[in-house]
N, C-alpha and C. Protein backbone atom coordinates (compact mmCIF):
# COMPACT_ATOMS: atom_id res chain seq x y z
N MET A 1 -29.47 -5.72 -2.28
CA MET A 1 -28.28 -5.18 -1.33
C MET A 1 -27.05 -6.89 -0.83
N ALA A 2 -28.17 -7.63 -1.27
CA ALA A 2 -27.44 -9.20 -0.55
C ALA A 2 -26.46 -9.31 -1.72
N LEU A 3 -26.85 -9.31 -3.17
CA LEU A 3 -25.96 -9.51 -4.00
C LEU A 3 -24.71 -8.66 -4.25
N SER A 4 -25.05 -7.25 -3.72
CA SER A 4 -23.29 -6.94 -3.81
C SER A 4 -22.63 -7.09 -2.60
N ALA A 5 -23.35 -7.30 -1.58
CA ALA A 5 -22.34 -7.40 -0.81
C ALA A 5 -22.05 -8.93 -1.17
N PHE A 6 -22.11 -10.11 -1.30
CA PHE A 6 -21.42 -11.07 -1.38
C PHE A 6 -20.60 -11.10 -2.84
N LEU A 7 -20.70 -9.77 -3.81
CA LEU A 7 -20.03 -9.35 -4.72
C LEU A 7 -18.46 -9.07 -3.87
N GLY A 8 -18.86 -8.08 -2.88
CA GLY A 8 -17.62 -7.69 -2.50
C GLY A 8 -16.94 -8.58 -1.57
N MET A 9 -18.02 -9.76 -1.36
CA MET A 9 -17.02 -10.90 -0.77
C MET A 9 -16.68 -11.89 -1.43
N LEU A 10 -16.85 -11.86 -2.68
CA LEU A 10 -15.92 -12.57 -4.24
C LEU A 10 -15.16 -11.71 -4.70
N LYS A 11 -14.76 -10.85 -4.06
CA LYS A 11 -13.89 -9.67 -5.32
C LYS A 11 -12.21 -9.65 -4.11
N VAL A 12 -12.78 -10.21 -2.78
CA VAL A 12 -11.20 -10.36 -2.08
C VAL A 12 -9.81 -11.86 -2.85
N PHE A 13 -10.84 -12.44 -4.08
CA PHE A 13 -10.18 -13.41 -4.48
C PHE A 13 -9.54 -13.10 -5.61
N ALA A 14 -9.54 -11.87 -6.13
CA ALA A 14 -8.77 -11.69 -7.09
C ALA A 14 -7.72 -10.76 -6.91
N PRO A 15 -6.83 -11.24 -6.79
CA PRO A 15 -4.94 -10.90 -6.85
C PRO A 15 -5.10 -9.11 -7.29
N LEU A 16 -6.22 -8.32 -7.77
CA LEU A 16 -5.89 -6.82 -8.51
C LEU A 16 -6.00 -5.72 -7.58
N PRO A 17 -5.40 -5.23 -8.08
CA PRO A 17 -5.82 -3.89 -7.33
C PRO A 17 -7.57 -3.74 -7.60
N GLY A 18 -8.50 -3.84 -6.60
CA GLY A 18 -9.33 -3.57 -6.70
C GLY A 18 -10.71 -4.52 -7.09
N GLY A 19 -9.64 -5.33 -7.80
CA GLY A 19 -10.59 -6.53 -7.96
C GLY A 19 -10.94 -6.35 -9.49
N ALA A 20 -9.80 -5.48 -10.08
CA ALA A 20 -10.19 -5.48 -11.79
C ALA A 20 -10.13 -6.16 -12.33
N GLY A 21 -11.48 -6.61 -13.08
CA GLY A 21 -11.45 -7.44 -14.27
C GLY A 21 -12.85 -8.10 -13.85
N GLY A 22 -12.48 -9.48 -12.51
CA GLY A 22 -13.06 -9.92 -11.80
C GLY A 22 -14.15 -9.30 -11.02
N THR A 23 -14.20 -8.31 -10.84
CA THR A 23 -15.26 -7.43 -10.05
C THR A 23 -16.59 -7.69 -11.02
N GLU A 24 -16.03 -7.33 -12.76
CA GLU A 24 -16.74 -6.56 -13.11
C GLU A 24 -17.46 -7.50 -13.73
N VAL A 25 -16.93 -9.19 -14.23
CA VAL A 25 -17.59 -9.94 -14.54
C VAL A 25 -18.46 -11.21 -13.65
N LEU A 26 -18.32 -10.51 -12.93
CA LEU A 26 -18.77 -11.32 -11.60
C LEU A 26 -20.71 -9.65 -10.85
N PHE A 27 -20.21 -8.71 -11.63
CA PHE A 27 -21.61 -8.22 -11.37
C PHE A 27 -22.28 -8.30 -12.21
N ILE A 28 -21.54 -8.56 -13.48
CA ILE A 28 -22.45 -8.64 -14.89
C ILE A 28 -23.25 -9.73 -14.58
N ILE A 29 -22.62 -11.19 -14.34
CA ILE A 29 -23.34 -12.49 -13.92
C ILE A 29 -24.39 -12.75 -12.80
N LEU A 30 -24.33 -11.95 -11.92
CA LEU A 30 -24.58 -11.99 -10.64
C LEU A 30 -26.26 -11.40 -11.07
N PHE A 31 -25.55 -10.18 -11.68
CA PHE A 31 -27.01 -8.91 -11.69
C PHE A 31 -27.98 -9.22 -13.18
N SER A 32 -27.60 -10.14 -13.98
CA SER A 32 -27.85 -10.62 -15.19
C SER A 32 -28.99 -11.66 -14.84
N ILE A 33 -29.37 -11.94 -13.57
CA ILE A 33 -30.26 -13.02 -13.44
C ILE A 33 -31.00 -12.34 -13.11
N PHE A 34 -31.76 -10.76 -12.29
CA PHE A 34 -32.61 -10.63 -12.44
C PHE A 34 -33.37 -9.44 -13.69
N THR A 35 -32.27 -9.33 -14.63
CA THR A 35 -32.02 -8.02 -15.13
C THR A 35 -31.10 -8.91 -16.64
N ASN A 36 -31.61 -7.97 -17.97
CA ASN A 36 -31.09 -8.36 -18.96
C ASN A 36 -29.25 -8.12 -18.74
N GLN A 37 -28.70 -8.51 -19.70
CA GLN A 37 -27.34 -8.15 -19.94
C GLN A 37 -27.06 -6.50 -20.19
N ILE A 38 -27.74 -6.41 -20.52
CA ILE A 38 -27.68 -4.60 -21.14
C ILE A 38 -27.66 -3.78 -20.22
N VAL A 39 -28.50 -4.37 -19.41
CA VAL A 39 -29.08 -3.64 -18.49
C VAL A 39 -27.63 -3.70 -16.84
N ALA A 40 -27.76 -4.63 -16.97
CA ALA A 40 -26.53 -5.01 -16.04
C ALA A 40 -25.30 -4.41 -16.57
N THR A 41 -24.76 -4.27 -17.87
CA THR A 41 -23.47 -3.94 -18.07
C THR A 41 -23.82 -2.42 -18.04
N SER A 42 -24.41 -1.57 -17.87
CA SER A 42 -24.31 -0.31 -17.64
C SER A 42 -24.78 -0.16 -16.02
N THR A 43 -25.23 -0.88 -15.59
CA THR A 43 -25.51 -0.71 -13.94
C THR A 43 -23.91 -0.81 -13.69
N MET A 44 -23.45 -1.64 -14.16
CA MET A 44 -21.85 -2.31 -13.57
C MET A 44 -20.82 -0.81 -13.99
N ILE A 45 -21.45 -0.32 -15.08
CA ILE A 45 -20.33 0.68 -15.56
C ILE A 45 -20.69 1.95 -14.43
N VAL A 46 -21.33 2.60 -14.32
CA VAL A 46 -22.26 3.45 -13.73
C VAL A 46 -21.14 3.03 -12.03
N TRP A 47 -21.88 1.63 -11.61
CA TRP A 47 -21.60 1.52 -10.17
C TRP A 47 -19.62 0.93 -10.10
N ARG A 48 -18.79 0.86 -11.10
CA ARG A 48 -17.49 0.50 -10.98
C ARG A 48 -17.04 2.20 -10.89
N PHE A 49 -17.45 3.07 -11.51
CA PHE A 49 -17.32 4.64 -11.57
C PHE A 49 -17.93 5.35 -10.19
N VAL A 50 -18.20 4.82 -9.48
CA VAL A 50 -18.64 5.78 -7.78
C VAL A 50 -18.23 4.80 -6.86
N SER A 51 -18.21 3.90 -7.51
CA SER A 51 -17.28 2.84 -6.13
C SER A 51 -15.64 2.83 -6.06
N PHE A 52 -15.56 2.78 -7.28
CA PHE A 52 -13.82 2.42 -7.54
C PHE A 52 -13.29 3.98 -8.19
N TYR A 53 -13.28 4.29 -9.62
CA TYR A 53 -13.06 5.68 -9.88
C TYR A 53 -12.62 6.93 -9.23
N MET A 54 -13.94 7.08 -9.19
CA MET A 54 -14.74 8.31 -8.26
C MET A 54 -13.66 8.65 -6.70
N ILE A 55 -13.67 7.64 -6.13
CA ILE A 55 -12.34 7.91 -4.85
C ILE A 55 -11.08 7.72 -5.21
N MET A 56 -10.98 7.56 -6.33
CA MET A 56 -9.04 7.68 -7.18
C MET A 56 -9.12 9.25 -7.55
N LEU A 57 -10.42 9.79 -8.27
CA LEU A 57 -10.76 11.04 -8.45
C LEU A 57 -10.48 12.47 -7.61
N ILE A 58 -11.27 11.48 -6.74
CA ILE A 58 -11.36 12.45 -5.26
C ILE A 58 -10.11 12.74 -4.35
N GLY A 59 -9.51 12.06 -4.47
CA GLY A 59 -8.32 11.55 -3.69
C GLY A 59 -6.77 12.23 -4.18
N PHE A 60 -7.10 12.40 -5.65
CA PHE A 60 -6.28 12.95 -6.97
C PHE A 60 -6.20 14.85 -6.58
N VAL A 61 -7.97 14.83 -6.32
CA VAL A 61 -7.25 16.62 -6.34
C VAL A 61 -7.09 16.91 -5.31
N PHE A 62 -7.52 15.88 -3.93
CA PHE A 62 -7.38 16.54 -1.85
C PHE A 62 -6.13 16.06 -2.59
N TYR A 63 -5.11 15.51 -3.52
CA TYR A 63 -3.97 15.59 -2.65
C TYR A 63 -3.18 16.29 -3.77
N MET A 64 -3.05 17.15 -5.11
CA MET A 64 -2.75 17.75 -5.69
C MET A 64 -3.41 19.33 -4.92
N THR A 65 -4.59 19.25 -4.12
CA THR A 65 -4.41 20.44 -3.12
C THR A 65 -3.83 20.59 -2.22
N TYR A 66 -3.62 19.42 -1.82
CA TYR A 66 -2.29 19.35 -0.82
C TYR A 66 -0.95 19.93 -0.88
N LYS A 67 -0.85 19.57 -2.22
CA LYS A 67 0.61 19.59 -2.50
C LYS A 67 0.65 20.73 -2.89
N LEU A 68 -0.01 21.65 -3.33
CA LEU A 68 0.42 22.77 -4.06
C LEU A 68 0.18 23.87 -2.75
N LYS A 69 -0.88 23.95 -1.82
CA LYS A 69 -0.65 24.92 -0.49
C LYS A 69 0.53 24.35 0.27
N MET A 70 1.38 23.07 0.35
CA MET A 70 2.65 22.88 1.11
C MET A 70 4.14 23.87 -0.06
N ARG A 71 3.69 24.54 -1.10
CA ARG A 71 4.84 25.18 -1.85
C ARG A 71 5.19 25.86 -1.26
């Protein structure tokens, strides 16, 4: 949990939306300290989907539902 909070603080310094790219690299570097790089990479893919892309997909579904109801 501490590493995740630390990663959240570090990704603020990446000037990209959502810290794309830098966040993934930092995640793999930080979490490969405790596991091997393959496990850290697999976990990063799942974590990034849940914390970034799934939120965008849910927002898109709600937006399209709202837009279709307004017609």
